[in-house]
């Protein structure tokens, strides 16, 4: 009854081969997942850069709206503030 003598070695060899195949498959799947994640990240970065360029992010400062006068920092803008205040009704 049962298995004949010596069949345990064959079973162990077959089991060992099965484990090697399972490990090889697991490594291949892990590598495929890593490549897929790397590709997904690369695509996301490319899309973000394309959107940023399309929107104009980082191209420089936008021109201010309306009329403006360039002044040197520290110079007073209003030379006679009392006259201006009286003109505004103050």
PDB file of N, CA and C in Angstrom:
ATOM      1  N   UNK A   1       0.825  -1.174   0.000  1.00  0.00           N
ATOM      2  CA  UNK A   1       0.000   0.000   0.000  1.00  0.00           C
ATOM      3  C   UNK A   1       0.876   1.247   0.000  1.00  0.00           C
ATOM      4  N   UNK A   2       0.352   2.333  -0.512  1.00  0.00           N
ATOM      5  CA  UNK A   2       1.098   3.582  -0.522  1.00  0.00           C
ATOM      6  C   UNK A   2       2.103   3.636  -1.656  1.00  0.00           C
ATOM      7  N   UNK A   3       3.088   4.469  -1.501  1.00  0.00           N
ATOM      8  CA  UNK A   3       4.108   4.623  -2.528  1.00  0.00           C
ATOM      9  C   UNK A   3       5.230   3.631  -2.299  1.00  0.00           C
ATOM     10  N   UNK A   4       5.840   3.219  -3.385  1.00  0.00           N
ATOM     11  CA  UNK A   4       6.979   2.311  -3.211  1.00  0.00           C
ATOM     12  C   UNK A   4       8.187   3.069  -2.688  1.00  0.00           C
ATOM     13  N   UNK A   5       9.171   2.343  -2.193  1.00  0.00           N
ATOM     14  CA  UNK A   5      10.384   2.963  -1.651  1.00  0.00           C
ATOM     15  C   UNK A   5      11.115   3.748  -2.740  1.00  0.00           C
ATOM     16  N   UNK A   6      11.699   4.864  -2.334  1.00  0.00           N
ATOM     17  CA  UNK A   6      12.476   5.660  -3.281  1.00  0.00           C
ATOM     18  C   UNK A   6      11.657   6.699  -4.025  1.00  0.00           C
ATOM     19  N   UNK A   7      10.351   6.646  -3.912  1.00  0.00           N
ATOM     20  CA  UNK A   7       9.531   7.614  -4.647  1.00  0.00           C
ATOM     21  C   UNK A   7       9.555   8.985  -3.988  1.00  0.00           C
ATOM     22  N   UNK A   8       9.977   9.070  -2.744  1.00  0.00           N
ATOM     23  CA  UNK A   8      10.058  10.355  -2.052  1.00  0.00           C
ATOM     24  C   UNK A   8      11.093  11.265  -2.678  1.00  0.00           C
ATOM     25  N   UNK A   9      12.194  10.701  -3.147  1.00  0.00           N
ATOM     26  CA  UNK A   9      13.232  11.502  -3.791  1.00  0.00           C
ATOM     27  C   UNK A   9      12.690  12.114  -5.075  1.00  0.00           C
ATOM     28  N   UNK A  10      11.984  11.305  -5.852  1.00  0.00           N
ATOM     29  CA  UNK A  10      11.393  11.824  -7.082  1.00  0.00           C
ATOM     30  C   UNK A  10      10.392  12.935  -6.775  1.00  0.00           C
ATOM     31  N   UNK A  11       9.602  12.722  -5.741  1.00  0.00           N
ATOM     32  CA  UNK A  11       8.610  13.717  -5.360  1.00  0.00           C
ATOM     33  C   UNK A  11       9.306  15.008  -4.923  1.00  0.00           C
ATOM     34  N   UNK A  12      10.397  14.880  -4.179  1.00  0.00           N
ATOM     35  CA  UNK A  12      11.149  16.058  -3.733  1.00  0.00           C
ATOM     36  C   UNK A  12      11.752  16.817  -4.893  1.00  0.00           C
ATOM     37  N   UNK A  13      12.274  16.106  -5.879  1.00  0.00           N
ATOM     38  CA  UNK A  13      12.855  16.752  -7.056  1.00  0.00           C
ATOM     39  C   UNK A  13      11.768  17.477  -7.836  1.00  0.00           C
ATOM     40  N   UNK A  14      10.625  16.820  -7.999  1.00  0.00           N
ATOM     41  CA  UNK A  14       9.520  17.453  -8.720  1.00  0.00           C
ATOM     42  C   UNK A  14       9.015  18.674  -7.964  1.00  0.00           C
ATOM     43  N   UNK A  15       8.939  18.569  -6.649  1.00  0.00           N
ATOM     44  CA  UNK A  15       8.492  19.695  -5.840  1.00  0.00           C
ATOM     45  C   UNK A  15       9.502  20.844  -5.939  1.00  0.00           C
ATOM     46  N   UNK A  16      10.788  20.512  -5.929  1.00  0.00           N
ATOM     47  CA  UNK A  16      11.832  21.532  -6.066  1.00  0.00           C
ATOM     48  C   UNK A  16      11.748  22.247  -7.400  1.00  0.00           C
ATOM     49  N   UNK A  17      11.504  21.499  -8.463  1.00  0.00           N
ATOM     50  CA  UNK A  17      11.357  22.117  -9.783  1.00  0.00           C
ATOM     51  C   UNK A  17      10.128  23.020  -9.821  1.00  0.00           C
ATOM     52  N   UNK A  18       9.067  22.576  -9.166  1.00  0.00           N
ATOM     53  CA  UNK A  18       7.849  23.392  -9.105  1.00  0.00           C
ATOM     54  C   UNK A  18       8.094  24.708  -8.386  1.00  0.00           C
ATOM     55  N   UNK A  19       8.870  24.654  -7.307  1.00  0.00           N
ATOM     56  CA  UNK A  19       9.187  25.871  -6.557  1.00  0.00           C
ATOM     57  C   UNK A  19      10.054  26.799  -7.404  1.00  0.00           C
ATOM     58  N   UNK A  20      11.024  26.243  -8.117  1.00  0.00           N
ATOM     59  CA  UNK A  20      11.875  27.068  -8.977  1.00  0.00           C
ATOM     60  C   UNK A  20      11.056  27.766 -10.057  1.00  0.00           C
ATOM     61  N   UNK A  21      10.119  27.040 -10.646  1.00  0.00           N
ATOM     62  CA  UNK A  21       9.265  27.630 -11.676  1.00  0.00           C
ATOM     63  C   UNK A  21       8.398  28.727 -11.063  1.00  0.00           C
ATOM     64  N   UNK A  22       7.853  28.474  -9.878  1.00  0.00           N
ATOM     65  CA  UNK A  22       7.005  29.474  -9.220  1.00  0.00           C
ATOM     66  C   UNK A  22       7.802  30.735  -8.897  1.00  0.00           C
ATOM     67  N   UNK A  23       9.031  30.569  -8.433  1.00  0.00           N
ATOM     68  CA  UNK A  23       9.875  31.726  -8.124  1.00  0.00           C
ATOM     69  C   UNK A  23      10.207  32.489  -9.406  1.00  0.00           C
ATOM     70  N   UNK A  24      10.502  31.776 -10.474  1.00  0.00           N
ATOM     71  CA  UNK A  24      10.812  32.433 -11.744  1.00  0.00           C
ATOM     72  C   UNK A  24       9.608  33.226 -12.256  1.00  0.00           C
ATOM     73  N   UNK A  25       8.423  32.654 -12.129  1.00  0.00           N
ATOM     74  CA  UNK A  25       7.205  33.347 -12.562  1.00  0.00           C
ATOM     75  C   UNK A  25       6.970  34.582 -11.691  1.00  0.00           C
ATOM     76  N   UNK A  26       7.175  34.446 -10.375  1.00  0.00           N
ATOM     77  CA  UNK A  26       6.978  35.581  -9.468  1.00  0.00           C
ATOM     78  C   UNK A  26       7.950  36.714  -9.789  1.00  0.00           C
ATOM     79  N   UNK A  27       9.194  36.376 -10.085  1.00  0.00           N
ATOM     80  CA  UNK A  27      10.185  37.395 -10.438  1.00  0.00           C
ATOM     81  C   UNK A  27       9.801  38.074 -11.752  1.00  0.00           C
ATOM     82  N   UNK A  28       9.341  37.297 -12.714  1.00  0.00           N
ATOM     83  CA  UNK A  28       8.934  37.869 -13.999  1.00  0.00           C
ATOM     84  C   UNK A  28       7.742  38.806 -13.830  1.00  0.00           C
ATOM     85  N   UNK A  29       6.787  38.412 -13.002  1.00  0.00           N
ATOM     86  CA  UNK A  29       5.612  39.261 -12.759  1.00  0.00           C
ATOM     87  C   UNK A  29       6.033  40.546 -12.042  1.00  0.00           C
ATOM     88  N   UNK A  30       6.916  40.425 -11.039  1.00  0.00           N
ATOM     89  CA  UNK A  30       7.382  41.610 -10.313  1.00  0.00           C
ATOM     90  C   UNK A  30       8.120  42.563 -11.251  1.00  0.00           C
ATOM     91  N   UNK A  31       8.921  42.022 -12.142  1.00  0.00           N
ATOM     92  CA  UNK A  31       9.641  42.851 -13.105  1.00  0.00           C
ATOM     93  C   UNK A  31       8.670  43.552 -14.054  1.00  0.00           C
ATOM     94  N   UNK A  32       7.656  42.820 -14.504  1.00  0.00           N
ATOM     95  CA  UNK A  32       6.660  43.410 -15.399  1.00  0.00           C
ATOM     96  C   UNK A  32       5.901  44.534 -14.700  1.00  0.00           C
ATOM     97  N   UNK A  33       5.569  44.335 -13.432  1.00  0.00           N
ATOM     98  CA  UNK A  33       4.862  45.377 -12.673  1.00  0.00           C
ATOM     99  C   UNK A  33       5.764  46.597 -12.498  1.00  0.00           C
ATOM    100  N   UNK A  34       7.039  46.375 -12.196  1.00  0.00           N
ATOM    101  CA  UNK A  34       7.973  47.493 -12.027  1.00  0.00           C
ATOM    102  C   UNK A  34       8.109  48.296 -13.322  1.00  0.00           C
ATOM    103  N   UNK A  35       8.180  47.612 -14.440  1.00  0.00           N
ATOM    104  CA  UNK A  35       8.281  48.301 -15.733  1.00  0.00           C
ATOM    105  C   UNK A  35       7.001  49.079 -16.014  1.00  0.00           C
ATOM    106  N   UNK A  36       5.849  48.476 -15.712  1.00  0.00           N
ATOM    107  CA  UNK A  36       4.572  49.157 -15.940  1.00  0.00           C
ATOM    108  C   UNK A  36       4.465  50.415 -15.085  1.00  0.00           C
ATOM    109  N   UNK A  37       4.906  50.340 -13.838  1.00  0.00           N
ATOM    110  CA  UNK A  37       4.868  51.510 -12.954  1.00  0.00           C
ATOM    111  C   UNK A  37       5.811  52.595 -13.476  1.00  0.00           C
ATOM    112  N   UNK A  38       6.997  52.204 -13.920  1.00  0.00           N
ATOM    113  CA  UNK A  38       7.952  53.179 -14.453  1.00  0.00           C
ATOM    114  C   UNK A  38       7.390  53.871 -15.692  1.00  0.00           C
ATOM    115  N   UNK A  39       6.742  53.119 -16.554  1.00  0.00           N
ATOM    116  CA  UNK A  39       6.145  53.699 -17.761  1.00  0.00           C
ATOM    117  C   UNK A  39       5.009  54.645 -17.381  1.00  0.00           C
ATOM    118  N   UNK A  40       4.190  54.241 -16.402  1.00  0.00           N
ATOM    119  CA  UNK A  40       3.080  55.094 -15.970  1.00  0.00           C
ATOM    120  C   UNK A  40       3.592  56.412 -15.394  1.00  0.00           C
ATOM    121  N   UNK A  41       4.661  56.356 -14.619  1.00  0.00           N
ATOM    122  CA  UNK A  41       5.237  57.575 -14.044  1.00  0.00           C
ATOM    123  C   UNK A  41       5.809  58.460 -15.152  1.00  0.00           C
ATOM    124  N   UNK A  42       6.483  57.857 -16.117  1.00  0.00           N
ATOM    125  CA  UNK A  42       7.048  58.632 -17.224  1.00  0.00           C
ATOM    126  C   UNK A  42       5.947  59.321 -18.024  1.00  0.00           C
ATOM    127  N   UNK A  43       4.855  58.622 -18.257  1.00  0.00           N
ATOM    128  CA  UNK A  43       3.735  59.211 -18.999  1.00  0.00           C
ATOM    129  C   UNK A  43       3.123  60.356 -18.198  1.00  0.00           C
ATOM    130  N   UNK A  44       2.972  60.161 -16.883  1.00  0.00           N
ATOM    131  CA  UNK A  44       2.394  61.216 -16.040  1.00  0.00           C
ATOM    132  C   UNK A  44       3.271  62.465 -16.044  1.00  0.00           C
ATOM    133  N   UNK A  45       4.569  62.281 -15.969  1.00  0.00           N
ATOM    134  CA  UNK A  45       5.487  63.426 -15.998  1.00  0.00           C
ATOM    135  C   UNK A  45       5.418  64.121 -17.356  1.00  0.00           C
ATOM    136  N   UNK A  46       5.367  63.355 -18.428  1.00  0.00           N
ATOM    137  CA  UNK A  46       5.287  63.947 -19.764  1.00  0.00           C
ATOM    138  C   UNK A  46       4.003  64.748 -19.934  1.00  0.00           C
ATOM    139  N   UNK A  47       2.902  64.223 -19.427  1.00  0.00           N
ATOM    140  CA  UNK A  47       1.621  64.936 -19.522  1.00  0.00           C
ATOM    141  C   UNK A  47       1.678  66.221 -18.701  1.00  0.00           C
ATOM    142  N   UNK A  48       2.250  66.147 -17.495  1.00  0.00           N
ATOM    143  CA  UNK A  48       2.346  67.339 -16.645  1.00  0.00           C
ATOM    144  C   UNK A  48       3.200  68.416 -17.305  1.00  0.00           C
ATOM    145  N   UNK A  49       4.296  68.020 -17.925  1.00  0.00           N
ATOM    146  CA  UNK A  49       5.158  68.987 -18.610  1.00  0.00           C
ATOM    147  C   UNK A  49       4.425  69.589 -19.805  1.00  0.00           C
ATOM    148  N   UNK A  50       3.718  68.757 -20.552  1.00  0.00           N
ATOM    149  CA  UNK A  50       2.988  69.253 -21.718  1.00  0.00           C
ATOM    150  C   UNK A  50       1.906  70.240 -21.303  1.00  0.00           C
ATOM    151  N   UNK A  51       1.198  69.943 -20.230  1.00  0.00           N
ATOM    152  CA  UNK A  51       0.152  70.849 -19.752  1.00  0.00           C
ATOM    153  C   UNK A  51       0.780  72.147 -19.251  1.00  0.00           C
ATOM    154  N   UNK A  52       1.890  72.037 -18.535  1.00  0.00           N
ATOM    155  CA  UNK A  52       2.564  73.235 -18.032  1.00  0.00           C
ATOM    156  C   UNK A  52       3.046  74.133 -19.153  1.00  0.00           C
ATOM    157  N   UNK A  53       3.586  73.553 -20.202  1.00  0.00           N
ATOM    158  CA  UNK A  53       4.055  74.339 -21.345  1.00  0.00           C
ATOM    159  C   UNK A  53       2.873  74.956 -22.077  1.00  0.00           C
ATOM    160  N   UNK A  54       1.780  74.185 -22.204  1.00  0.00           N
ATOM    161  CA  UNK A  54       0.598  74.682 -22.899  1.00  0.00           C
ATOM    162  C   UNK A  54      -0.024  75.858 -22.150  1.00  0.00           C
ATOM    163  N   UNK A  55      -0.065  75.765 -20.828  1.00  0.00           N
ATOM    164  CA  UNK A  55      -0.664  76.824 -20.022  1.00  0.00           C
ATOM    165  C   UNK A  55       0.264  78.025 -19.937  1.00  0.00           C
ATOM    166  N   UNK A  56       1.552  77.799 -20.023  1.00  0.00           N
ATOM    167  CA  UNK A  56       2.514  78.884 -19.961  1.00  0.00           C
ATOM    168  C   UNK A  56       3.128  79.037 -18.586  1.00  0.00           C
ATOM    169  N   UNK A  57       3.104  77.987 -17.797  1.00  0.00           N
ATOM    170  CA  UNK A  57       3.672  78.038 -16.454  1.00  0.00           C
ATOM    171  C   UNK A  57       5.186  78.127 -16.563  1.00  0.00           C
ATOM    172  N   UNK A  58       5.772  79.040 -15.843  1.00  0.00           N
ATOM    173  CA  UNK A  58       7.222  79.156 -15.803  1.00  0.00           C
ATOM    174  C   UNK A  58       7.832  79.868 -16.998  1.00  0.00           C
ATOM    175  N   UNK A  59       7.032  80.479 -17.836  1.00  0.00           N
ATOM    176  CA  UNK A  59       7.560  81.165 -19.003  1.00  0.00           C
ATOM    177  C   UNK A  59       8.055  82.553 -18.628  1.00  0.00           C
ATOM    178  N   UNK A  60       7.622  83.066 -17.527  1.00  0.00           N
ATOM    179  CA  UNK A  60       8.017  84.402 -17.081  1.00  0.00           C
ATOM    180  C   UNK A  60       6.827  85.100 -16.463  1.00  0.00           C
ATOM    181  N   UNK A  61       7.037  86.321 -16.065  1.00  0.00           N
ATOM    182  CA  UNK A  61       5.944  87.072 -15.460  1.00  0.00           C
ATOM    183  C   UNK A  61       5.028  87.618 -16.540  1.00  0.00           C
ATOM    184  N   UNK A  62       3.747  87.578 -16.260  1.00  0.00           N
ATOM    185  CA  UNK A  62       2.780  88.135 -17.196  1.00  0.00           C
ATOM    186  C   UNK A  62       2.828  89.654 -17.101  1.00  0.00           C
ATOM    187  N   UNK A  63       2.529  90.306 -18.190  1.00  0.00           N
ATOM    188  CA  UNK A  63       2.501  91.767 -18.188  1.00  0.00           C
ATOM    189  C   UNK A  63       1.355  92.234 -17.300  1.00  0.00           C
ATOM    190  N   UNK A  64       1.585  93.254 -16.478  1.00  0.00           N
ATOM    191  CA  UNK A  64       0.506  93.745 -15.626  1.00  0.00           C
ATOM    192  C   UNK A  64      -0.589  94.391 -16.467  1.00  0.00           C
ATOM    193  N   UNK A  65      -1.802  94.287 -15.976  1.00  0.00           N
ATOM    194  CA  UNK A  65      -2.923  94.866 -16.706  1.00  0.00           C
ATOM    195  C   UNK A  65      -3.011  96.360 -16.419  1.00  0.00           C
ATOM    196  N   UNK A  66      -3.390  97.118 -17.398  1.00  0.00           N
ATOM    197  CA  UNK A  66      -3.573  98.553 -17.214  1.00  0.00           C
ATOM    198  C   UNK A  66      -2.275  99.327 -17.361  1.00  0.00           C
ATOM    199  N   UNK A  67      -2.390 100.644 -17.232  1.00  0.00           N
ATOM    200  CA  UNK A  67      -1.232 101.522 -17.356  1.00  0.00           C
ATOM    201  C   UNK A  67      -0.416 101.475 -16.075  1.00  0.00           C
ATOM    202  N   UNK A  68       0.889 101.520 -16.215  1.00  0.00           N
ATOM    203  CA  UNK A  68       1.747 101.528 -15.031  1.00  0.00           C
ATOM    204  C   UNK A  68       2.997 102.316 -15.342  1.00  0.00           C
ATOM    205  N   UNK A  69       3.559 102.876 -14.285  1.00  0.00           N
ATOM    206  CA  UNK A  69       4.779 103.662 -14.407  1.00  0.00           C
ATOM    207  C   UNK A  69       5.846 102.971 -13.584  1.00  0.00           C
ATOM    208  N   UNK A  70       6.965 102.741 -14.199  1.00  0.00           N
ATOM    209  CA  UNK A  70       8.054 102.074 -13.506  1.00  0.00           C
ATOM    210  C   UNK A  70       8.749 103.070 -12.590  1.00  0.00           C
ATOM    211  N   UNK A  71       8.922 102.681 -11.325  1.00  0.00           N
ATOM    212  CA  UNK A  71       9.588 103.558 -10.365  1.00  0.00           C
ATOM    213  C   UNK A  71      10.736 102.804  -9.725  1.00  0.00           C
ATOM    214  N   UNK A  72      11.722 103.564  -9.281  1.00  0.00           N
ATOM    215  CA  UNK A  72      12.848 102.980  -8.571  1.00  0.00           C
ATOM    216  C   UNK A  72      12.420 102.805  -7.123  1.00  0.00           C
ATOM    217  N   UNK A  73      12.767 101.670  -6.540  1.00  0.00           N
ATOM    218  CA  UNK A  73      12.353 101.406  -5.168  1.00  0.00           C
ATOM    219  C   UNK A  73      12.974 102.440  -4.235  1.00  0.00           C
ATOM    220  N   UNK A  74      12.159 102.989  -3.381  1.00  0.00           N
ATOM    221  CA  UNK A  74      12.635 103.978  -2.428  1.00  0.00           C
ATOM    222  C   UNK A  74      12.260 105.404  -2.813  1.00  0.00           C
ATOM    223  N   UNK A  75      12.020 105.655  -4.081  1.00  0.00           N
ATOM    224  CA  UNK A  75      11.600 106.992  -4.500  1.00  0.00           C
ATOM    225  C   UNK A  75      10.124 107.180  -4.168  1.00  0.00           C
ATOM    226  N   UNK A  76       9.761 108.352  -3.678  1.00  0.00           N
ATOM    227  CA  UNK A  76       8.343 108.577  -3.386  1.00  0.00           C
ATOM    228  C   UNK A  76       7.546 108.689  -4.684  1.00  0.00           C
ATOM    229  N   UNK A  77       6.394 108.094  -4.689  1.00  0.00           N
ATOM    230  CA  UNK A  77       5.545 108.141  -5.877  1.00  0.00           C
ATOM    231  C   UNK A  77       4.804 109.468  -5.924  1.00  0.00           C
ATOM    232  N   UNK A  78       4.293 109.916  -4.772  1.00  0.00           N
ATOM    233  CA  UNK A  78       3.579 111.187  -4.698  1.00  0.00           C
ATOM    234  C   UNK A  78       4.522 112.228  -4.096  1.00  0.00           C
ATOM    235  N   UNK A  79       4.836 113.243  -4.857  1.00  0.00           N
ATOM    236  CA  UNK A  79       5.762 114.255  -4.350  1.00  0.00           C
ATOM    237  C   UNK A  79       5.079 115.194  -3.364  1.00  0.00           C
ATOM    238  N   UNK A  80       3.803 115.458  -3.563  1.00  0.00           N
ATOM    239  CA  UNK A  80       3.072 116.350  -2.673  1.00  0.00           C
ATOM    240  C   UNK A  80       1.802 115.641  -2.198  1.00  0.00           C
ATOM    241  N   UNK A  81       1.906 114.788  -1.192  1.00  0.00           N
ATOM    242  CA  UNK A  81       0.735 114.029  -0.754  1.00  0.00           C
ATOM    243  C   UNK A  81      -0.379 114.912  -0.203  1.00  0.00           C
ATOM    244  N   UNK A  82      -0.072 116.086   0.346  1.00  0.00           N
ATOM    245  CA  UNK A  82      -1.138 116.937   0.891  1.00  0.00           C
ATOM    246  C   UNK A  82      -2.024 117.481  -0.214  1.00  0.00           C
ATOM    247  N   UNK A  83      -1.436 117.822  -1.332  1.00  0.00           N
ATOM    248  CA  UNK A  83      -2.224 118.319  -2.459  1.00  0.00           C
ATOM    249  C   UNK A  83      -3.110 117.210  -2.989  1.00  0.00           C
ATOM    250  N   UNK A  84      -2.569 116.028  -3.089  1.00  0.00           N
ATOM    251  CA  UNK A  84      -3.347 114.897  -3.580  1.00  0.00           C
ATOM    252  C   UNK A  84      -4.472 114.574  -2.620  1.00  0.00           C
ATOM    253  N   UNK A  85      -4.210 114.651  -1.328  1.00  0.00           N
ATOM    254  CA  UNK A  85      -5.237 114.357  -0.346  1.00  0.00           C
ATOM    255  C   UNK A  85      -6.359 115.389  -0.429  1.00  0.00           C
ATOM    256  N   UNK A  86      -6.009 116.649  -0.623  1.00  0.00           N
ATOM    257  CA  UNK A  86      -7.022 117.689  -0.739  1.00  0.00           C
ATOM    258  C   UNK A  86      -7.826 117.494  -2.021  1.00  0.00           C
ATOM    259  N   UNK A  87      -7.163 117.059  -3.069  1.00  0.00           N
ATOM    260  CA  UNK A  87      -7.846 116.832  -4.339  1.00  0.00           C
ATOM    261  C   UNK A  87      -8.871 115.706  -4.225  1.00  0.00           C
ATOM    262  N   UNK A  88      -8.564 114.695  -3.401  1.00  0.00           N
ATOM    263  CA  UNK A  88      -9.467 113.554  -3.229  1.00  0.00           C
ATOM    264  C   UNK A  88     -10.606 113.870  -2.262  1.00  0.00           C
ATOM    265  N   UNK A  89     -10.609 115.049  -1.659  1.00  0.00           N
ATOM    266  CA  UNK A  89     -11.687 115.413  -0.748  1.00  0.00           C
ATOM    267  C   UNK A  89     -11.335 115.159   0.701  1.00  0.00           C
ATOM    268  N   UNK A  90     -10.052 114.932   0.991  1.00  0.00           N
ATOM    269  CA  UNK A  90      -9.658 114.601   2.364  1.00  0.00           C
ATOM    270  C   UNK A  90      -9.217 115.755   3.173  1.00  0.00           C
TER     271      UNK A  90
END
